[in-house]
Amino acid sequence: MKLKTFLQESSYSSVTFKRIKTNHIQIKAEINGLKGLFIIDTGASNTCIDLENHKLFKIFPEESPEKASSATDEISKTMISKSNNIKIGKWVKKNISIVLFDMSFINKTLVDQGAERVNGIIGSDLLKKGKAIIDYCDNKLFLKD
């Protein structure tokens, strides 16, 4: 039995992802009903949106006491937005919190390496909620309904 068949029989849905020039995994997703481009980052603890995109996704950020860090240490200020909806393929989660920060340094790096800008990052918080399985051979992200 193929992995895809087994997972579909186990109430998983799948979405195709793209490996970009930087070797990141890129997917399309919807936040609050609006489409965007995201990187899957299993090492990111939270799902994040570029602060400049908060109006695009109808996100209402609030001050956040949380401190953020990254491999580059270029994240200074974070904000948070609660009660958001996300859709990845057919998989939907409601009432999700999203961290917002200035992602210009991430997008600059992507563009400098020949990749597209992204609106945000899908982090391990959502991947865990969806019991995510990444099939690198077939470029599929599976999420449990």
N, C-alpha and C. Protein backbone atom coordinates (compact mmCIF):
# COMPACT_ATOMS: atom_id res chain seq x y z
N MET A 1 0.85 -1.17 0.00
CA MET A 1 0.00 0.00 0.00
C MET A 1 0.90 1.24 0.00
N LYS A 2 0.55 2.23 -0.82
CA LYS A 2 1.32 3.47 -0.89
C LYS A 2 1.00 4.34 0.32
N LEU A 3 1.97 5.16 0.71
CA LEU A 3 1.81 6.07 1.85
C LEU A 3 0.59 6.96 1.66
N LYS A 4 0.44 7.53 0.48
CA LYS A 4 -0.68 8.43 0.22
C LYS A 4 -2.01 7.73 0.46
N THR A 5 -2.17 6.52 -0.03
CA THR A 5 -3.41 5.75 0.14
C THR A 5 -3.67 5.47 1.62
N PHE A 6 -2.64 5.03 2.33
CA PHE A 6 -2.78 4.74 3.75
C PHE A 6 -3.21 5.99 4.53
N LEU A 7 -2.57 7.11 4.27
CA LEU A 7 -2.90 8.34 4.99
C LEU A 7 -4.29 8.85 4.65
N GLN A 8 -4.68 8.76 3.40
CA GLN A 8 -6.03 9.18 3.02
C GLN A 8 -7.08 8.31 3.70
N GLU A 9 -6.82 7.02 3.85
CA GLU A 9 -7.73 6.13 4.55
C GLU A 9 -7.73 6.41 6.06
N SER A 10 -6.72 7.12 6.54
CA SER A 10 -6.62 7.48 7.95
C SER A 10 -7.03 8.93 8.21
N SER A 11 -7.87 9.49 7.34
CA SER A 11 -8.44 10.84 7.47
C SER A 11 -7.42 11.96 7.31
N TYR A 12 -6.38 11.74 6.54
CA TYR A 12 -5.44 12.80 6.21
C TYR A 12 -5.80 13.39 4.86
N SER A 13 -5.59 14.69 4.72
CA SER A 13 -5.67 15.32 3.40
C SER A 13 -4.26 15.76 3.04
N SER A 14 -4.05 16.00 1.76
CA SER A 14 -2.69 16.37 1.35
C SER A 14 -2.70 17.64 0.52
N VAL A 15 -1.58 18.29 0.51
CA VAL A 15 -1.36 19.46 -0.33
C VAL A 15 0.05 19.31 -0.92
N THR A 16 0.17 19.65 -2.18
CA THR A 16 1.47 19.58 -2.84
C THR A 16 2.29 20.80 -2.45
N PHE A 17 3.55 20.57 -2.15
CA PHE A 17 4.44 21.70 -1.88
C PHE A 17 5.51 21.78 -2.95
N LYS A 18 6.19 22.90 -2.93
CA LYS A 18 7.23 23.17 -3.91
C LYS A 18 8.55 23.36 -3.17
N ARG A 19 9.60 22.74 -3.66
CA ARG A 19 10.95 22.98 -3.13
C ARG A 19 11.50 24.16 -3.91
N ILE A 20 11.86 25.22 -3.20
CA ILE A 20 12.34 26.41 -3.89
C ILE A 20 13.87 26.41 -3.93
N LYS A 21 14.44 27.38 -4.61
CA LYS A 21 15.89 27.43 -4.84
C LYS A 21 16.70 27.39 -3.55
N THR A 22 16.13 27.87 -2.47
CA THR A 22 16.83 27.88 -1.18
C THR A 22 16.69 26.54 -0.46
N ASN A 23 15.98 25.59 -1.08
CA ASN A 23 15.69 24.27 -0.54
C ASN A 23 14.64 24.30 0.58
N HIS A 24 13.94 25.41 0.71
CA HIS A 24 12.82 25.49 1.65
C HIS A 24 11.60 24.85 1.01
N ILE A 25 10.65 24.47 1.86
CA ILE A 25 9.37 23.95 1.40
C ILE A 25 8.38 25.11 1.38
N GLN A 26 7.76 25.32 0.23
CA GLN A 26 6.84 26.44 0.07
C GLN A 26 5.44 25.91 -0.26
N ILE A 27 4.43 26.46 0.40
CA ILE A 27 3.04 26.08 0.12
C ILE A 27 2.17 27.32 0.01
N LYS A 28 1.00 27.11 -0.57
CA LYS A 28 -0.02 28.14 -0.57
C LYS A 28 -0.99 27.80 0.55
N ALA A 29 -1.43 28.82 1.25
CA ALA A 29 -2.39 28.62 2.34
C ALA A 29 -3.28 29.86 2.40
N GLU A 30 -4.37 29.73 3.14
CA GLU A 30 -5.27 30.86 3.34
C GLU A 30 -5.32 31.21 4.81
N ILE A 31 -5.18 32.48 5.09
CA ILE A 31 -5.37 32.99 6.45
C ILE A 31 -6.60 33.89 6.39
N ASN A 32 -7.57 33.60 7.23
CA ASN A 32 -8.81 34.37 7.27
C ASN A 32 -9.43 34.53 5.88
N GLY A 33 -9.35 33.46 5.07
CA GLY A 33 -9.96 33.44 3.76
C GLY A 33 -9.16 34.08 2.64
N LEU A 34 -7.94 34.56 2.95
CA LEU A 34 -7.12 35.23 1.95
C LEU A 34 -5.85 34.44 1.67
N LYS A 35 -5.55 34.26 0.39
CA LYS A 35 -4.45 33.40 -0.03
C LYS A 35 -3.09 34.06 0.15
N GLY A 36 -2.12 33.22 0.49
CA GLY A 36 -0.75 33.68 0.63
C GLY A 36 0.24 32.57 0.37
N LEU A 37 1.51 32.95 0.37
CA LEU A 37 2.61 32.03 0.13
C LEU A 37 3.41 31.90 1.42
N PHE A 38 3.68 30.64 1.82
CA PHE A 38 4.29 30.37 3.10
C PHE A 38 5.41 29.35 2.99
N ILE A 39 6.34 29.43 3.92
CA ILE A 39 7.38 28.43 4.05
C ILE A 39 6.99 27.52 5.20
N ILE A 40 7.18 26.21 5.02
CA ILE A 40 7.00 25.26 6.11
C ILE A 40 8.33 25.23 6.87
N ASP A 41 8.27 25.49 8.16
CA ASP A 41 9.49 25.48 8.98
C ASP A 41 9.24 24.65 10.23
N THR A 42 9.69 23.40 10.20
CA THR A 42 9.48 22.49 11.33
C THR A 42 10.24 22.95 12.57
N GLY A 43 11.21 23.82 12.40
CA GLY A 43 11.98 24.32 13.54
C GLY A 43 11.42 25.59 14.14
N ALA A 44 10.44 26.19 13.47
CA ALA A 44 9.80 27.40 14.00
C ALA A 44 8.72 26.98 14.99
N SER A 45 8.77 27.52 16.18
CA SER A 45 7.80 27.11 17.19
C SER A 45 6.40 27.65 16.91
N ASN A 46 6.31 28.76 16.20
CA ASN A 46 5.02 29.39 15.94
C ASN A 46 4.81 29.69 14.46
N THR A 47 3.55 29.72 14.08
CA THR A 47 3.18 30.18 12.75
C THR A 47 3.25 31.71 12.78
N CYS A 48 3.85 32.28 11.73
CA CYS A 48 4.13 33.71 11.71
C CYS A 48 3.69 34.33 10.40
N ILE A 49 3.39 35.61 10.47
CA ILE A 49 3.06 36.42 9.30
C ILE A 49 3.98 37.63 9.33
N ASP A 50 4.40 38.06 8.15
CA ASP A 50 5.16 39.30 8.04
C ASP A 50 4.28 40.44 8.53
N LEU A 51 4.77 41.22 9.44
CA LEU A 51 3.99 42.32 10.04
C LEU A 51 3.39 43.24 8.99
N GLU A 52 4.08 43.43 7.87
CA GLU A 52 3.55 44.33 6.84
C GLU A 52 2.33 43.74 6.14
N ASN A 53 2.04 42.46 6.35
CA ASN A 53 0.90 41.81 5.70
C ASN A 53 -0.34 41.72 6.59
N HIS A 54 -0.34 42.33 7.77
CA HIS A 54 -1.47 42.12 8.67
C HIS A 54 -2.79 42.61 8.09
N LYS A 55 -2.80 43.69 7.34
CA LYS A 55 -4.05 44.17 6.73
C LYS A 55 -4.50 43.25 5.61
N LEU A 56 -3.55 42.74 4.84
CA LEU A 56 -3.86 41.82 3.74
C LEU A 56 -4.64 40.61 4.24
N PHE A 57 -4.26 40.08 5.41
CA PHE A 57 -4.90 38.88 5.96
C PHE A 57 -5.95 39.19 7.02
N LYS A 58 -6.35 40.45 7.11
CA LYS A 58 -7.36 40.87 8.09
C LYS A 58 -6.97 40.42 9.51
N ILE A 59 -5.73 40.67 9.85
CA ILE A 59 -5.19 40.31 11.16
C ILE A 59 -5.09 41.56 12.00
N PHE A 60 -5.49 41.44 13.25
CA PHE A 60 -5.46 42.57 14.16
C PHE A 60 -4.43 42.30 15.25
N PRO A 61 -3.21 42.80 15.06
CA PRO A 61 -2.13 42.49 16.00
C PRO A 61 -2.24 43.25 17.31
N GLU A 62 -1.79 42.59 18.35
CA GLU A 62 -1.71 43.19 19.69
C GLU A 62 -0.26 43.08 20.14
N GLU A 63 0.10 43.93 21.08
CA GLU A 63 1.45 43.85 21.64
C GLU A 63 1.65 42.47 22.24
N SER A 64 2.84 41.95 22.12
CA SER A 64 3.14 40.63 22.64
C SER A 64 4.30 40.71 23.62
N PRO A 65 4.16 40.08 24.79
CA PRO A 65 5.26 40.05 25.75
C PRO A 65 6.33 39.03 25.35
N GLU A 66 6.00 38.20 24.35
CA GLU A 66 6.91 37.14 23.91
C GLU A 66 8.15 37.71 23.26
N LYS A 67 9.25 37.08 23.52
CA LYS A 67 10.49 37.39 22.84
C LYS A 67 10.66 36.35 21.75
N ALA A 68 11.21 36.75 20.64
CA ALA A 68 11.44 35.81 19.54
C ALA A 68 12.92 35.76 19.24
N SER A 69 13.32 34.63 18.73
CA SER A 69 14.70 34.49 18.28
C SER A 69 14.70 33.69 17.00
N SER A 70 15.78 33.81 16.28
CA SER A 70 15.94 33.04 15.05
C SER A 70 17.41 32.74 14.87
N ALA A 71 17.70 31.99 13.86
CA ALA A 71 19.10 31.67 13.57
C ALA A 71 19.90 32.92 13.25
N THR A 72 19.22 33.99 12.83
CA THR A 72 19.91 35.22 12.46
C THR A 72 19.90 36.27 13.58
N ASP A 73 19.09 36.06 14.60
CA ASP A 73 18.95 37.02 15.70
C ASP A 73 18.50 38.41 15.21
N GLU A 74 17.78 38.48 14.10
CA GLU A 74 17.34 39.76 13.58
C GLU A 74 15.89 40.08 13.93
N ILE A 75 15.25 39.27 14.75
CA ILE A 75 13.87 39.55 15.16
C ILE A 75 13.92 40.38 16.43
N SER A 76 13.31 41.55 16.38
CA SER A 76 13.34 42.39 17.56
C SER A 76 11.97 42.49 18.22
N LYS A 77 10.98 42.95 17.47
CA LYS A 77 9.65 43.17 18.03
C LYS A 77 8.67 42.15 17.46
N THR A 78 7.88 41.56 18.33
CA THR A 78 6.82 40.66 17.86
C THR A 78 5.48 41.17 18.34
N MET A 79 4.46 40.80 17.59
CA MET A 79 3.08 41.07 17.98
C MET A 79 2.35 39.76 17.85
N ILE A 80 1.13 39.71 18.34
CA ILE A 80 0.34 38.48 18.26
C ILE A 80 -1.07 38.82 17.81
N SER A 81 -1.67 37.89 17.11
CA SER A 81 -3.06 38.00 16.71
C SER A 81 -3.74 36.68 17.04
N LYS A 82 -4.86 36.77 17.73
CA LYS A 82 -5.59 35.57 18.14
C LYS A 82 -6.85 35.42 17.29
N SER A 83 -7.43 34.26 17.33
CA SER A 83 -8.71 33.96 16.67
C SER A 83 -8.67 34.09 15.15
N ASN A 84 -7.66 33.50 14.54
CA ASN A 84 -7.54 33.48 13.08
C ASN A 84 -7.91 32.10 12.55
N ASN A 85 -8.29 32.05 11.29
CA ASN A 85 -8.60 30.79 10.62
C ASN A 85 -7.52 30.53 9.58
N ILE A 86 -7.14 29.27 9.44
CA ILE A 86 -6.16 28.89 8.44
C ILE A 86 -6.66 27.70 7.65
N LYS A 87 -6.36 27.72 6.36
CA LYS A 87 -6.74 26.62 5.48
C LYS A 87 -5.52 26.26 4.64
N ILE A 88 -5.14 25.00 4.72
CA ILE A 88 -4.04 24.47 3.91
C ILE A 88 -4.64 23.31 3.13
N GLY A 89 -4.78 23.49 1.83
CA GLY A 89 -5.50 22.48 1.05
C GLY A 89 -6.93 22.40 1.55
N LYS A 90 -7.36 21.20 1.94
CA LYS A 90 -8.71 21.01 2.50
C LYS A 90 -8.72 21.09 4.01
N TRP A 91 -7.55 21.12 4.64
CA TRP A 91 -7.42 21.12 6.09
C TRP A 91 -7.70 22.52 6.63
N VAL A 92 -8.58 22.62 7.62
CA VAL A 92 -8.96 23.91 8.19
C VAL A 92 -8.83 23.88 9.70
N LYS A 93 -8.26 24.93 10.26
CA LYS A 93 -8.21 25.10 11.72
C LYS A 93 -8.70 26.50 12.04
N LYS A 94 -9.51 26.59 13.07
CA LYS A 94 -10.05 27.88 13.50
C LYS A 94 -9.45 28.27 14.85
N ASN A 95 -9.55 29.55 15.14
CA ASN A 95 -9.12 30.09 16.42
C ASN A 95 -7.62 29.89 16.66
N ILE A 96 -6.83 30.22 15.65
CA ILE A 96 -5.38 30.05 15.70
C ILE A 96 -4.71 31.37 16.05
N SER A 97 -3.71 31.31 16.90
CA SER A 97 -2.89 32.48 17.19
C SER A 97 -1.73 32.54 16.22
N ILE A 98 -1.42 33.74 15.77
CA ILE A 98 -0.33 33.94 14.81
C ILE A 98 0.60 35.03 15.35
N VAL A 99 1.88 34.78 15.27
CA VAL A 99 2.89 35.75 15.67
C VAL A 99 3.22 36.61 14.45
N LEU A 100 3.37 37.89 14.67
CA LEU A 100 3.75 38.80 13.59
C LEU A 100 5.09 39.45 13.90
N PHE A 101 5.93 39.55 12.89
CA PHE A 101 7.19 40.28 13.04
C PHE A 101 7.66 40.73 11.66
N ASP A 102 8.63 41.59 11.63
CA ASP A 102 9.18 42.11 10.39
C ASP A 102 10.00 41.00 9.73
N MET A 103 9.51 40.50 8.61
CA MET A 103 10.20 39.42 7.90
C MET A 103 11.01 39.93 6.72
N SER A 104 11.30 41.22 6.68
CA SER A 104 12.01 41.78 5.52
C SER A 104 13.38 41.13 5.32
N PHE A 105 14.07 40.80 6.41
CA PHE A 105 15.39 40.17 6.27
C PHE A 105 15.28 38.76 5.71
N ILE A 106 14.20 38.05 6.04
CA ILE A 106 13.97 36.71 5.49
C ILE A 106 13.66 36.82 4.00
N ASN A 107 12.76 37.74 3.65
CA ASN A 107 12.39 37.90 2.25
C ASN A 107 13.55 38.42 1.41
N LYS A 108 14.38 39.26 1.97
CA LYS A 108 15.56 39.74 1.24
C LYS A 108 16.47 38.56 0.91
N THR A 109 16.68 37.69 1.88
CA THR A 109 17.52 36.51 1.66
C THR A 109 16.92 35.61 0.58
N LEU A 110 15.61 35.39 0.63
CA LEU A 110 14.95 34.56 -0.38
C LEU A 110 15.12 35.15 -1.77
N VAL A 111 14.83 36.44 -1.90
CA VAL A 111 14.93 37.11 -3.20
C VAL A 111 16.37 37.12 -3.70
N ASP A 112 17.31 37.40 -2.79
CA ASP A 112 18.74 37.40 -3.17
C ASP A 112 19.19 36.05 -3.72
N GLN A 113 18.51 34.97 -3.28
CA GLN A 113 18.88 33.64 -3.73
C GLN A 113 17.97 33.13 -4.85
N GLY A 114 17.17 34.03 -5.43
CA GLY A 114 16.37 33.68 -6.59
C GLY A 114 15.00 33.09 -6.29
N ALA A 115 14.53 33.21 -5.06
CA ALA A 115 13.21 32.69 -4.67
C ALA A 115 12.21 33.85 -4.52
N GLU A 116 10.94 33.50 -4.41
CA GLU A 116 9.89 34.49 -4.22
C GLU A 116 9.81 34.93 -2.76
N ARG A 117 9.28 36.12 -2.57
CA ARG A 117 8.94 36.59 -1.22
C ARG A 117 7.81 35.72 -0.67
N VAL A 118 7.77 35.56 0.63
CA VAL A 118 6.67 34.83 1.27
C VAL A 118 5.92 35.75 2.21
N ASN A 119 4.68 35.37 2.50
CA ASN A 119 3.87 36.13 3.44
C ASN A 119 4.10 35.71 4.88
N GLY A 120 4.61 34.48 5.06
CA GLY A 120 4.78 34.00 6.41
C GLY A 120 5.38 32.61 6.48
N ILE A 121 5.30 32.07 7.68
CA ILE A 121 5.89 30.77 7.99
C ILE A 121 4.84 29.91 8.68
N ILE A 122 4.69 28.68 8.22
CA ILE A 122 3.85 27.71 8.93
C ILE A 122 4.79 26.97 9.87
N GLY A 123 4.56 27.13 11.16
CA GLY A 123 5.46 26.58 12.17
C GLY A 123 4.96 25.28 12.79
N SER A 124 5.74 24.79 13.72
CA SER A 124 5.45 23.49 14.33
C SER A 124 4.17 23.49 15.15
N ASP A 125 3.69 24.66 15.59
CA ASP A 125 2.42 24.70 16.32
C ASP A 125 1.29 24.15 15.45
N LEU A 126 1.20 24.60 14.22
CA LEU A 126 0.16 24.10 13.30
C LEU A 126 0.46 22.71 12.80
N LEU A 127 1.73 22.44 12.54
CA LEU A 127 2.10 21.11 12.06
C LEU A 127 1.73 20.05 13.10
N LYS A 128 1.92 20.38 14.37
CA LYS A 128 1.55 19.45 15.43
C LYS A 128 0.03 19.28 15.51
N LYS A 129 -0.71 20.39 15.41
CA LYS A 129 -2.18 20.30 15.45
C LYS A 129 -2.71 19.44 14.32
N GLY A 130 -2.04 19.51 13.17
CA GLY A 130 -2.48 18.73 12.02
C GLY A 130 -1.84 17.35 11.93
N LYS A 131 -1.06 16.98 12.97
CA LYS A 131 -0.36 15.68 12.95
C LYS A 131 0.34 15.50 11.60
N ALA A 132 1.09 16.53 11.22
CA ALA A 132 1.69 16.62 9.89
C ALA A 132 2.68 15.51 9.59
N ILE A 133 2.63 15.08 8.35
CA ILE A 133 3.60 14.15 7.79
C ILE A 133 4.07 14.77 6.48
N ILE A 134 5.38 14.87 6.34
CA ILE A 134 5.96 15.44 5.13
C ILE A 134 6.55 14.31 4.31
N ASP A 135 6.06 14.18 3.08
CA ASP A 135 6.57 13.19 2.14
C ASP A 135 7.48 13.93 1.16
N TYR A 136 8.78 13.88 1.42
CA TYR A 136 9.75 14.60 0.61
C TYR A 136 9.87 14.02 -0.80
N CYS A 137 9.64 12.73 -0.96
CA CYS A 137 9.77 12.10 -2.28
C CYS A 137 8.68 12.56 -3.24
N ASP A 138 7.45 12.70 -2.73
CA ASP A 138 6.33 13.10 -3.59
C ASP A 138 5.92 14.56 -3.40
N ASN A 139 6.70 15.32 -2.62
CA ASN A 139 6.40 16.75 -2.38
C ASN A 139 4.97 16.95 -1.88
N LYS A 140 4.61 16.21 -0.83
CA LYS A 140 3.27 16.30 -0.25
C LYS A 140 3.36 16.57 1.26
N LEU A 141 2.50 17.46 1.71
CA LEU A 141 2.30 17.67 3.14
C LEU A 141 0.94 17.08 3.47
N PHE A 142 0.92 16.15 4.43
CA PHE A 142 -0.32 15.51 4.87
C PHE A 142 -0.71 16.07 6.22
N LEU A 143 -1.99 16.42 6.36
CA LEU A 143 -2.54 16.94 7.62
C LEU A 143 -3.80 16.16 7.94
N LYS A 144 -3.93 15.80 9.22
CA LYS A 144 -5.08 14.98 9.64
C LYS A 144 -6.29 15.87 9.88
N ASP A 145 -7.41 15.45 9.26
CA ASP A 145 -8.67 16.20 9.40
C ASP A 145 -9.27 16.05 10.77
